[in-house]
Amino acid sequence: MNVLITGGGSGIGAACARRFAGQGDAVAVNGRRAAPVEALARELGGVAICGDCSDPAEAGRIVTTAVRELGGLDCVVLNAGVSHSGTVLEQTPESWRAVMSANLDGAFLIARAALPALIERRGAIVSVASQAARRVGPRSAAYCTSKAAMVMLTQTIAVDFGPLGVRANAVCPAWTRTAMADAAMDELAASRGIDREGAYREANAAVPARRAAEPDEVAALVVWLASPQASYLNGAVIPLDGGAGLVDAATLAFAPETE
């Protein structure tokens, strides 16, 4: 299998790259920062493609390079993304546009450029969205909106291109131990007078699993969705949240104090 991963230099993207490469797949890793992308490609014997997937010309170049270097595309993992916290009143037009550009425009542009190659090989798209696409957190107007839109983008691809053999599914992880999550936990820790691990515990206190996900746990689902074992799954939106989406927030006050 030939796979292109955006935002692949670290976190979930890097974990996906390692998973695919570990089962013998050819991997092209894309990211805006050259050093981590090139280092990971060297580690895996893959292809490094530096560039900003939210730029239309760059998105086309990224996909064209991946197709040329790999000899075709069987899967694209849409993983690139950023976050700027804030309510609608706190977001500036610039911060809003930055989030939409990275999280939504980049996914659209890469998918648009890659679809001809994916149609040719009856391939798959896996979008790494977020629990934020399904549940709203405070001061996350831009991020939640962008991830919800990313899910709908994925489902439109499933409907429009499913008859041509292309599958498109979305994964919605909750807190996952990445650099982005670590930064958020450090902010929470500073406001609470605790350390990062204490912040992770507090942030996941109402999650039945009582912990954040590991990047490799997300990667395992992504790789499965790209595989023949998921051949009849199309347009699915799969929560990977430790059970967080099951919890009725209005009943938490009645929970016994067991911890």
Protein backbone atom coordinates (compact mmCIF):
# COMPACT_ATOMS: atom_id res chain seq x y z
CA MET A 1 0.00 0.00 0.00
CA ASN A 2 1.19 3.54 -0.82
CA VAL A 3 0.22 6.13 1.77
CA LEU A 4 0.46 9.93 2.04
CA ILE A 5 0.15 11.40 5.55
CA THR A 6 -0.27 15.13 6.12
CA GLY A 7 0.91 16.59 9.41
CA GLY A 8 3.07 13.52 9.60
CA GLY A 9 6.16 14.82 11.34
CA SER A 10 5.00 14.29 14.92
CA GLY A 11 2.18 13.11 17.14
CA ILE A 12 -0.62 11.08 15.58
CA GLY A 13 0.74 11.57 12.06
CA ALA A 14 4.15 10.18 12.96
CA ALA A 15 2.54 7.26 14.80
CA CYS A 16 0.49 6.49 11.67
CA ALA A 17 3.61 6.63 9.51
CA ARG A 18 5.41 4.18 11.76
CA ARG A 19 2.42 1.82 11.81
CA PHE A 20 2.05 1.79 8.03
CA ALA A 21 5.79 1.39 7.46
CA GLY A 22 5.93 -1.36 10.09
CA GLN A 23 3.59 -3.51 8.02
CA GLY A 24 5.59 -2.92 4.85
CA ASP A 25 3.68 -0.04 3.30
CA ALA A 26 5.41 2.78 1.40
CA VAL A 27 4.91 6.09 3.18
CA ALA A 28 5.20 9.73 2.13
CA VAL A 29 5.27 12.11 5.09
CA ASN A 30 4.18 15.72 4.67
CA GLY A 31 4.56 18.62 7.07
CA ARG A 32 5.46 22.29 7.17
CA ARG A 33 8.57 21.78 9.32
CA ALA A 34 11.36 20.17 7.35
CA ALA A 35 13.47 18.73 10.18
CA PRO A 36 10.94 16.30 11.77
CA VAL A 37 9.49 15.25 8.41
CA GLU A 38 12.90 14.48 6.95
CA ALA A 39 14.06 12.69 10.11
CA LEU A 40 11.00 10.45 10.16
CA ALA A 41 11.27 9.68 6.45
CA ARG A 42 14.91 8.64 6.95
CA GLU A 43 13.92 6.45 9.90
CA LEU A 44 11.22 4.67 7.90
CA GLY A 45 12.84 4.63 4.49
CA GLY A 46 9.97 6.77 3.27
CA VAL A 47 9.56 10.00 1.32
CA ALA A 48 9.68 13.45 2.94
CA ILE A 49 7.51 16.12 1.29
CA CYS A 50 7.77 19.45 3.06
CA GLY A 51 5.07 22.00 2.33
CA ASP A 52 1.91 23.74 3.48
CA CYS A 53 -1.09 21.68 2.43
CA SER A 54 -3.42 24.66 2.98
CA ASP A 55 -1.82 26.43 0.00
CA PRO A 56 -3.51 25.35 -3.26
CA ALA A 57 -0.30 25.22 -5.29
CA GLU A 58 1.58 23.43 -2.52
CA ALA A 59 -1.21 20.88 -2.03
CA GLY A 60 -1.02 19.95 -5.69
CA ARG A 61 2.76 19.64 -5.53
CA ILE A 62 2.59 17.49 -2.38
CA VAL A 63 0.19 15.01 -3.97
CA THR A 64 1.97 14.97 -7.32
CA THR A 65 5.28 14.26 -5.58
CA ALA A 66 3.75 11.47 -3.50
CA VAL A 67 2.21 9.82 -6.55
CA ARG A 68 5.47 10.09 -8.50
CA GLU A 69 7.75 8.90 -5.71
CA LEU A 70 5.52 6.08 -4.48
CA GLY A 71 4.18 4.99 -7.84
CA GLY A 72 0.55 5.75 -6.99
CA LEU A 73 -1.67 6.30 -3.95
CA ASP A 74 -3.81 3.83 -2.04
CA CYS A 75 -4.50 5.94 1.03
CA VAL A 76 -4.35 9.53 2.19
CA VAL A 77 -4.41 10.34 5.90
CA LEU A 78 -5.63 13.90 6.46
CA ASN A 79 -4.02 14.74 9.77
CA ALA A 80 -2.59 18.27 9.55
CA GLY A 81 -4.13 20.73 11.98
CA VAL A 82 -3.72 23.55 14.47
CA SER A 83 -5.72 25.06 17.32
CA HIS A 84 -6.29 28.59 18.62
CA SER A 85 -8.50 28.74 21.71
CA GLY A 86 -11.16 31.37 22.13
CA THR A 87 -14.88 32.10 22.01
CA VAL A 88 -16.45 33.73 18.96
CA LEU A 89 -15.84 37.10 20.62
CA GLU A 90 -12.23 36.24 21.46
CA GLN A 91 -11.29 34.89 18.03
CA THR A 92 -9.89 37.41 15.59
CA PRO A 93 -10.55 37.04 11.87
CA GLU A 94 -6.87 36.13 11.53
CA SER A 95 -6.90 33.38 14.16
CA TRP A 96 -10.20 32.01 12.82
CA ARG A 97 -8.82 31.90 9.29
CA ALA A 98 -5.59 30.24 10.45
CA VAL A 99 -7.53 27.38 12.04
CA MET A 100 -9.90 26.97 9.09
CA SER A 101 -7.02 27.12 6.63
CA ALA A 102 -4.96 24.42 8.34
CA ASN A 103 -7.75 22.10 9.49
CA LEU A 104 -10.34 22.39 6.74
CA ASP A 105 -8.88 24.02 3.64
CA GLY A 106 -5.81 21.77 3.78
CA ALA A 107 -7.98 18.66 4.01
CA PHE A 108 -10.11 19.82 1.06
CA LEU A 109 -7.13 20.73 -1.10
CA ILE A 110 -5.21 17.50 -0.49
CA ALA A 111 -8.33 15.38 -0.99
CA ARG A 112 -9.17 17.26 -4.18
CA ALA A 113 -5.67 16.77 -5.55
CA ALA A 114 -5.47 13.11 -4.48
CA LEU A 115 -8.87 11.85 -5.59
CA PRO A 116 -7.92 11.06 -9.21
CA ALA A 117 -5.08 8.83 -7.98
CA LEU A 118 -7.31 7.25 -5.32
CA ILE A 119 -10.07 6.57 -7.84
CA GLU A 120 -7.54 4.84 -10.10
CA ARG A 121 -6.57 2.42 -7.31
CA ARG A 122 -9.90 2.33 -5.43
CA GLY A 123 -8.18 3.83 -2.43
CA ALA A 124 -9.16 5.32 0.91
CA ILE A 125 -9.13 8.59 2.78
CA VAL A 126 -8.89 8.63 6.57
CA SER A 127 -9.50 11.98 8.22
CA VAL A 128 -8.13 12.56 11.71
CA ALA A 129 -10.82 14.83 13.09
CA SER A 130 -11.43 15.15 16.84
CA GLN A 131 -13.86 14.59 19.65
CA ALA A 132 -14.32 18.34 19.17
CA ALA A 133 -16.22 17.53 15.97
CA ARG A 134 -18.88 15.78 18.07
CA ARG A 135 -18.84 17.54 21.45
CA VAL A 136 -18.27 21.22 22.20
CA GLY A 137 -15.59 22.35 24.62
CA PRO A 138 -15.30 25.83 26.13
CA ARG A 139 -13.44 28.50 24.19
CA SER A 140 -13.02 26.27 21.14
CA ALA A 141 -15.19 28.03 18.56
CA ALA A 142 -12.76 27.81 15.65
CA TYR A 143 -11.35 24.36 16.40
CA CYS A 144 -14.72 22.67 16.98
CA THR A 145 -16.21 24.27 13.90
CA SER A 146 -13.28 23.28 11.70
CA LYS A 147 -13.29 19.66 12.86
CA ALA A 148 -17.06 19.31 12.48
CA ALA A 149 -16.73 20.65 8.95
CA MET A 150 -13.87 18.23 8.28
CA VAL A 151 -16.14 15.33 9.22
CA MET A 152 -18.83 16.55 6.83
CA LEU A 153 -16.23 17.00 4.09
CA THR A 154 -15.18 13.38 4.62
CA GLN A 155 -18.76 12.16 4.40
CA THR A 156 -19.41 14.08 1.17
CA ILE A 157 -16.41 12.31 -0.33
CA ALA A 158 -17.82 8.97 0.84
CA VAL A 159 -21.14 9.66 -0.88
CA ASP A 160 -19.77 11.20 -4.08
CA PHE A 161 -16.87 8.84 -4.69
CA GLY A 162 -18.02 5.62 -3.03
CA PRO A 163 -19.52 4.48 -6.35
CA LEU A 164 -16.03 4.83 -7.84
CA GLY A 165 -14.49 2.60 -5.19
CA VAL A 166 -13.11 5.28 -2.84
CA ARG A 167 -13.83 5.01 0.88
CA ALA A 168 -13.61 7.98 3.26
CA ASN A 169 -13.91 7.68 7.02
CA ALA A 170 -13.18 9.94 9.99
CA VAL A 171 -11.57 9.20 13.33
CA CYS A 172 -12.47 11.42 16.29
CA PRO A 173 -9.89 11.08 19.07
CA ALA A 174 -10.36 12.71 22.44
CA TRP A 175 -7.31 14.01 24.34
CA THR A 176 -4.26 12.29 22.90
CA ARG A 177 -0.72 12.67 24.21
CA THR A 178 0.75 14.87 21.51
CA ALA A 179 2.75 18.09 21.60
CA MET A 180 -0.45 20.07 21.02
CA ALA A 181 -2.20 18.36 23.93
CA ASP A 182 0.87 18.73 26.15
CA ALA A 183 0.81 22.49 25.51
CA ALA A 184 -2.87 22.66 26.48
CA MET A 185 -2.20 20.63 29.62
CA ASP A 186 0.67 22.92 30.55
CA GLU A 187 -1.73 25.88 30.38
CA LEU A 188 -4.24 24.04 32.55
CA ALA A 189 -1.50 23.01 34.96
CA ALA A 190 -0.31 26.60 35.34
CA SER A 191 -3.83 27.80 36.13
CA ARG A 192 -4.38 25.02 38.71
CA GLY A 193 -0.95 24.99 40.32
CA ILE A 194 -0.34 21.37 39.30
CA ASP A 195 2.00 19.58 36.90
CA ARG A 196 1.28 18.27 33.41
CA GLU A 197 0.38 14.78 34.59
CA GLY A 198 -2.02 16.25 37.12
CA ALA A 199 -3.59 18.27 34.33
CA TYR A 200 -4.07 15.15 32.20
CA ARG A 201 -5.73 13.44 35.17
CA GLU A 202 -8.03 16.41 35.77
CA ALA A 203 -8.93 16.76 32.09
CA ASN A 204 -9.87 13.08 31.91
CA ALA A 205 -11.49 12.74 35.32
CA ALA A 206 -14.96 12.23 33.81
CA VAL A 207 -13.76 9.91 31.04
CA PRO A 208 -14.58 6.27 31.86
CA ALA A 209 -11.06 5.24 30.77
CA ARG A 210 -9.63 7.92 33.11
CA ARG A 211 -6.76 8.72 30.76
CA ALA A 212 -5.80 10.27 27.45
CA ALA A 213 -5.18 8.19 24.34
CA GLU A 214 -1.72 7.37 23.08
CA PRO A 215 -0.88 8.35 19.48
CA ASP A 216 -0.30 4.70 18.53
CA GLU A 217 -3.84 3.82 19.64
CA VAL A 218 -5.19 6.34 17.15
CA ALA A 219 -2.76 5.12 14.50
CA ALA A 220 -3.95 1.52 14.93
CA LEU A 221 -7.50 2.57 14.03
CA VAL A 222 -6.32 4.70 11.10
CA VAL A 223 -4.32 1.83 9.64
CA TRP A 224 -7.24 -0.56 10.05
CA LEU A 225 -9.60 1.86 8.29
CA ALA A 226 -7.21 1.96 5.34
CA SER A 227 -7.02 -1.82 5.15
CA PRO A 228 -9.13 -4.37 3.23
CA GLN A 229 -10.61 -5.46 6.57
CA ALA A 230 -12.59 -2.19 6.55
CA SER A 231 -13.65 -2.55 2.92
CA TYR A 232 -17.37 -2.02 3.61
CA LEU A 233 -16.94 0.89 6.01
CA ASN A 234 -17.56 4.20 4.29
CA GLY A 235 -18.57 7.57 5.69
CA ALA A 236 -18.17 6.40 9.27
CA VAL A 237 -17.35 8.80 12.10
CA ILE A 238 -15.62 6.78 14.79
CA PRO A 239 -15.07 8.15 18.30
CA LEU A 240 -11.85 7.12 19.99
CA ASP A 241 -12.57 8.74 23.31
CA GLY A 242 -12.28 6.25 26.15
CA GLY A 243 -16.05 6.42 26.56
CA ALA A 244 -16.19 10.20 27.05
CA GLY A 245 -19.05 10.62 24.61
CA LEU A 246 -21.26 8.36 26.73
CA VAL A 247 -21.12 10.54 29.82
CA ASP A 248 -24.10 12.72 30.77
CA ALA A 249 -22.44 15.81 32.22
CA ALA A 250 -25.60 16.74 34.14
CA THR A 251 -25.36 13.54 36.23
CA LEU A 252 -21.70 13.78 37.27
CA ALA A 253 -22.62 15.34 40.62
CA PHE A 254 -24.29 12.03 41.56
CA ALA A 255 -21.22 9.90 40.88
CA PRO A 256 -19.76 8.19 43.95
CA GLU A 257 -16.36 9.45 45.03
CA THR A 258 -14.28 6.38 44.26
CA GLU A 259 -11.00 8.12 43.48
